Amino acid sequence: MLSETAVTLTALLALGCQNPEDRCELTETCPKYQSDGGTPPDLAVPPPKCAAAKGLTGDAIICVDFSSTADQTLGSSLPQVLNGWTFGKDAMNNDCWQIASGKLQVKNFGAFIGTCSFTMPLTDLAAAANQKYQSITLAVVQKVELDQSGIPPQTAKMMLGLDVQTREFVTATGKNPRQHNIYELNRNDLATVPGVGTNFQPLFKLASGAAFSSQGWQIESIAVMGNP
C-alpha cells in the first residue's frame, strides 16, 4: 500500500507529464482561451456601423449617419456616402433637401409649400448576393414635427420605390419626439405588393399644403439591413 507521501509524489509526476492545455484549470494563463499567450480574447460587441443600425442583427447593406457629412444642399452633386441616392426638387425646380447640423431635412421648412422627395438605392433580393436574405429592415433615427391640423395635413411618408398609394407603408404627422423607428418587411410580403416583387427601394416624401413654423422632418441616420 502506497504511503501518503508516495501518493502525492505520483500525482505531481502525473501532472508534469500532462499537456499544459489539459491543466488549464490549475493556472491563470490558459492556452485554450488565450491565443496570444496572455491577453484574454476580446469579446466586446462591435459598435454599429451607424446609429440607425444600433441593436439590429443582419448585414448592413446601407448605413448612413448624416452627422458624418458636411452641411450642404443635396442635388446632382452628392457626397460619396450618398452615391446612388436621388434627391428631388420642389415645384420651382430647386433642390429642396439639405444636410444641416447633422440632419437630413427640407430646406427652409418653415416657409415650404409643396412636396419634396428622395429615393435610396435599390436592393434587389433576387441578386445572387441578396438571395440569402429572408427579410429587409429599414431603420430610421428621426424627429417629426408637422402640422396635422391643416387641410390637408403636413405628412412624412415612406413608400416602396414609387410615389403611389399602393406602395405606401408609413405615414407620420403631428409632433413626434426623436425616435429610432424600425420597419421589417418580409420577402414574401414584398412580393405581394403590385410591381415590387424582389425590389426594395425606400422613397421618402414630405408634403406641405401650407407654411408651418417648426423643425419639420429631421432624419439623423438611416440603415437598410439584410436578414438571413
Protein backbone atom coordinates (compact mmCIF):
# COMPACT_ATOMS: atom_id res chain seq x y z
CA MET A 1 0.00 0.00 0.00
CA LEU A 2 1.42 3.43 -1.01
CA SER A 3 2.14 5.95 1.71
CA GLU A 4 0.57 9.46 1.66
CA THR A 5 3.93 10.91 0.54
CA ALA A 6 4.18 8.43 -2.32
CA VAL A 7 0.63 9.20 -3.49
CA THR A 8 1.38 12.96 -3.52
CA LEU A 9 4.63 12.44 -5.44
CA THR A 10 2.87 10.23 -8.01
CA ALA A 11 0.18 12.86 -8.57
CA LEU A 12 2.75 15.62 -9.11
CA LEU A 13 4.72 13.49 -11.57
CA ALA A 14 1.50 12.75 -13.46
CA LEU A 15 0.73 16.48 -13.73
CA GLY A 16 4.22 17.10 -15.01
CA CYS A 17 3.61 14.70 -17.89
CA GLN A 18 0.29 16.21 -18.94
CA ASN A 19 -0.15 18.57 -21.85
CA PRO A 20 -0.34 22.16 -20.50
CA GLU A 21 -3.73 22.61 -22.22
CA ASP A 22 -5.10 19.75 -20.10
CA ARG A 23 -4.18 21.58 -16.86
CA CYS A 24 -5.78 24.96 -17.61
CA GLU A 25 -7.91 24.84 -14.51
CA LEU A 26 -4.73 24.93 -12.35
CA THR A 27 -3.18 28.02 -13.96
CA GLU A 28 -4.07 31.64 -14.57
CA THR A 29 -2.81 31.56 -18.16
CA CYS A 30 -4.63 29.02 -20.28
CA PRO A 31 -3.63 28.32 -23.91
CA LYS A 32 -7.18 27.15 -24.67
CA TYR A 33 -8.57 30.62 -24.07
CA GLN A 34 -5.60 32.92 -24.63
CA SER A 35 -4.43 32.59 -28.21
CA ASP A 36 -1.90 35.41 -27.86
CA GLY A 37 -0.24 33.90 -24.77
CA GLY A 38 -1.54 36.21 -22.08
CA THR A 39 -4.31 38.58 -23.10
CA PRO A 40 -7.92 37.32 -22.81
CA PRO A 41 -9.85 37.32 -26.12
CA ASP A 42 -11.81 40.48 -26.93
CA LEU A 43 -15.45 39.53 -26.53
CA ALA A 44 -16.78 43.09 -26.87
CA VAL A 45 -19.72 43.56 -29.24
CA PRO A 46 -18.56 45.63 -32.24
CA PRO A 47 -20.22 49.04 -32.46
CA PRO A 48 -22.97 49.54 -35.07
CA LYS A 49 -21.91 50.98 -38.39
CA CYS A 50 -24.41 53.82 -37.90
CA ALA A 51 -26.89 54.95 -35.25
CA ALA A 52 -29.89 53.51 -37.12
CA ALA A 53 -28.33 50.01 -37.02
CA LYS A 54 -27.94 50.03 -33.23
CA GLY A 55 -29.39 46.88 -31.67
CA LEU A 56 -30.12 45.26 -35.04
CA THR A 57 -28.82 41.98 -36.41
CA GLY A 58 -28.22 41.13 -40.04
CA ASP A 59 -25.95 42.71 -42.64
CA ALA A 60 -25.77 46.48 -43.08
CA ILE A 61 -26.45 47.00 -46.79
CA ILE A 62 -26.80 50.77 -46.36
CA CYS A 63 -25.82 52.62 -43.18
CA VAL A 64 -25.50 56.41 -43.04
CA ASP A 65 -25.11 58.91 -40.21
CA PHE A 66 -25.76 62.40 -41.56
CA SER A 67 -23.64 63.86 -38.77
CA SER A 68 -20.59 62.48 -40.61
CA THR A 69 -21.35 64.60 -43.69
CA ALA A 70 -20.71 68.31 -44.05
CA ASP A 71 -23.66 70.73 -44.24
CA GLN A 72 -24.75 71.08 -47.87
CA THR A 73 -27.63 71.24 -50.30
CA LEU A 74 -28.27 67.90 -51.99
CA GLY A 75 -28.76 67.84 -55.73
CA SER A 76 -26.83 66.41 -58.67
CA SER A 77 -23.56 66.58 -56.74
CA LEU A 78 -23.56 64.29 -53.70
CA PRO A 79 -21.04 63.16 -51.09
CA GLN A 80 -19.61 59.70 -51.71
CA VAL A 81 -21.59 58.14 -48.86
CA LEU A 82 -24.80 59.03 -50.75
CA ASN A 83 -23.83 57.59 -54.14
CA GLY A 84 -26.93 56.05 -55.72
CA TRP A 85 -29.37 58.24 -53.80
CA THR A 86 -31.70 60.57 -55.74
CA PHE A 87 -32.84 63.85 -54.21
CA GLY A 88 -35.81 65.60 -55.82
CA LYS A 89 -36.68 69.22 -56.42
CA ASP A 90 -39.56 71.44 -55.33
CA ALA A 91 -42.27 72.94 -57.56
CA MET A 92 -39.90 75.74 -58.57
CA ASN A 93 -37.29 73.17 -59.70
CA ASN A 94 -34.98 73.99 -56.82
CA ASP A 95 -33.06 71.39 -54.82
CA CYS A 96 -35.14 71.01 -51.66
CA TRP A 97 -33.12 68.67 -49.41
CA GLN A 98 -30.14 69.63 -47.33
CA ILE A 99 -27.89 68.30 -44.58
CA ALA A 100 -27.76 70.84 -41.77
CA SER A 101 -26.44 70.36 -38.22
CA GLY A 102 -26.07 66.61 -38.79
CA LYS A 103 -29.66 66.11 -40.00
CA LEU A 104 -31.21 65.45 -43.40
CA GLN A 105 -34.15 67.86 -43.81
CA VAL A 106 -36.12 70.07 -46.18
CA LYS A 107 -34.56 73.47 -46.83
CA ASN A 108 -36.34 76.47 -45.26
CA PHE A 109 -39.07 74.20 -43.94
CA GLY A 110 -40.92 76.98 -42.10
CA ALA A 111 -41.82 78.55 -45.46
CA PHE A 112 -42.06 75.35 -47.51
CA ILE A 113 -45.19 74.54 -49.53
CA GLY A 114 -45.40 71.56 -51.89
CA THR A 115 -43.69 68.17 -51.93
CA CYS A 116 -40.08 67.11 -51.57
CA SER A 117 -38.87 63.51 -52.01
CA PHE A 118 -35.73 61.41 -52.10
CA THR A 119 -35.09 57.81 -53.10
CA MET A 120 -32.49 55.44 -51.68
CA PRO A 121 -30.56 52.87 -53.76
CA LEU A 122 -32.44 49.75 -54.81
CA THR A 123 -31.75 46.42 -53.11
CA ASP A 124 -32.74 43.52 -55.38
CA LEU A 125 -33.40 40.42 -53.29
CA ALA A 126 -33.13 38.32 -56.45
CA ALA A 127 -29.47 39.26 -56.90
CA ALA A 128 -27.02 36.47 -56.06
CA ALA A 129 -25.56 38.34 -53.09
CA ASN A 130 -29.00 39.01 -51.61
CA GLN A 131 -30.80 35.69 -52.07
CA LYS A 132 -29.83 34.67 -48.53
CA TYR A 133 -31.97 37.44 -47.05
CA GLN A 134 -35.49 36.48 -45.98
CA SER A 135 -36.42 39.99 -44.88
CA ILE A 136 -35.23 43.58 -45.09
CA THR A 137 -35.17 46.06 -42.21
CA LEU A 138 -35.41 49.80 -42.77
CA ALA A 139 -34.34 51.68 -39.63
CA VAL A 140 -34.52 55.46 -39.21
CA VAL A 141 -33.46 57.77 -36.39
CA GLN A 142 -35.73 60.77 -36.86
CA LYS A 143 -37.84 63.53 -35.38
CA VAL A 144 -41.17 64.60 -36.89
CA GLU A 145 -42.74 67.99 -36.19
CA LEU A 146 -45.51 68.67 -38.71
CA ASP A 147 -48.86 70.47 -38.79
CA GLN A 148 -51.59 67.86 -38.54
CA SER A 149 -54.43 70.43 -38.33
CA GLY A 150 -54.03 71.73 -41.86
CA ILE A 151 -56.24 70.71 -44.79
CA PRO A 152 -54.55 68.63 -45.96
CA PRO A 153 -52.21 67.99 -43.02
CA GLN A 154 -48.47 68.02 -43.49
CA THR A 155 -47.22 64.43 -43.82
CA ALA A 156 -44.00 62.46 -43.88
CA LYS A 157 -44.35 59.24 -45.88
CA MET A 158 -42.23 56.22 -46.76
CA MET A 159 -43.01 54.21 -49.89
CA LEU A 160 -41.64 51.34 -51.92
CA GLY A 161 -39.94 52.80 -54.95
CA LEU A 162 -42.81 54.84 -56.44
CA ASP A 163 -44.99 57.67 -55.16
CA VAL A 164 -48.28 55.80 -55.41
CA GLN A 165 -50.76 54.90 -52.68
CA THR A 166 -50.36 51.14 -53.08
CA ARG A 167 -46.62 51.45 -52.32
CA GLU A 168 -47.07 53.45 -49.10
CA PHE A 169 -46.14 51.70 -45.84
CA VAL A 170 -45.55 54.52 -43.30
CA THR A 171 -47.28 57.88 -42.77
CA ALA A 172 -46.46 60.29 -39.94
CA THR A 173 -47.76 63.74 -38.95
CA GLY A 174 -48.04 65.85 -35.83
CA LYS A 175 -45.29 66.20 -33.26
CA ASN A 176 -43.28 63.06 -32.54
CA PRO A 177 -40.14 63.11 -30.38
CA ARG A 178 -36.80 61.84 -31.64
CA GLN A 179 -37.25 58.10 -32.20
CA HIS A 180 -35.46 55.06 -33.56
CA ASN A 181 -38.11 53.59 -35.86
CA ILE A 182 -37.66 50.07 -37.24
CA TYR A 183 -39.66 48.55 -40.10
CA GLU A 184 -39.07 44.95 -41.15
CA LEU A 185 -40.53 43.75 -44.44
CA ASN A 186 -40.59 40.05 -45.26
CA ARG A 187 -39.50 38.87 -48.71
CA ASN A 188 -42.82 37.10 -49.28
CA ASP A 189 -44.85 40.14 -48.22
CA LEU A 190 -42.91 42.41 -50.57
CA ALA A 191 -43.76 40.07 -53.43
CA THR A 192 -47.48 40.70 -52.85
CA VAL A 193 -47.16 44.47 -53.46
CA PRO A 194 -48.00 45.18 -57.12
CA GLY A 195 -44.88 45.99 -59.08
CA VAL A 196 -42.43 45.47 -56.20
CA GLY A 197 -41.52 41.79 -56.46
CA THR A 198 -37.97 41.39 -55.12
CA ASN A 199 -37.08 45.08 -55.31
CA PHE A 200 -36.73 47.05 -52.08
CA GLN A 201 -36.21 50.77 -52.62
CA PRO A 202 -37.31 53.24 -49.91
CA LEU A 203 -38.78 56.54 -51.08
CA PHE A 204 -39.22 59.35 -48.52
CA LYS A 205 -41.71 62.15 -49.22
CA LEU A 206 -42.65 65.26 -47.28
CA ALA A 207 -45.87 67.07 -48.28
CA SER A 208 -46.88 70.52 -47.02
CA GLY A 209 -50.08 72.32 -48.03
CA ALA A 210 -49.27 75.47 -46.08
CA ALA A 211 -46.27 77.02 -44.36
CA PHE A 212 -45.76 75.94 -40.76
CA SER A 213 -43.07 77.28 -38.48
CA SER A 214 -41.45 74.19 -36.93
CA GLN A 215 -38.44 71.92 -37.34
CA GLY A 216 -40.27 69.67 -39.80
CA TRP A 217 -38.89 66.22 -40.62
CA GLN A 218 -35.33 65.77 -39.40
CA ILE A 219 -33.51 62.50 -40.15
CA GLU A 220 -30.27 61.71 -38.32
CA SER A 221 -29.47 58.20 -39.56
CA ILE A 222 -30.80 55.56 -41.97
CA ALA A 223 -29.94 51.87 -42.28
CA VAL A 224 -31.07 49.06 -44.57
CA MET A 225 -30.30 45.64 -43.07
CA GLY A 226 -30.48 42.26 -44.81
CA ASN A 227 -31.70 39.47 -42.54
CA PRO A 228 -30.92 35.81 -43.37
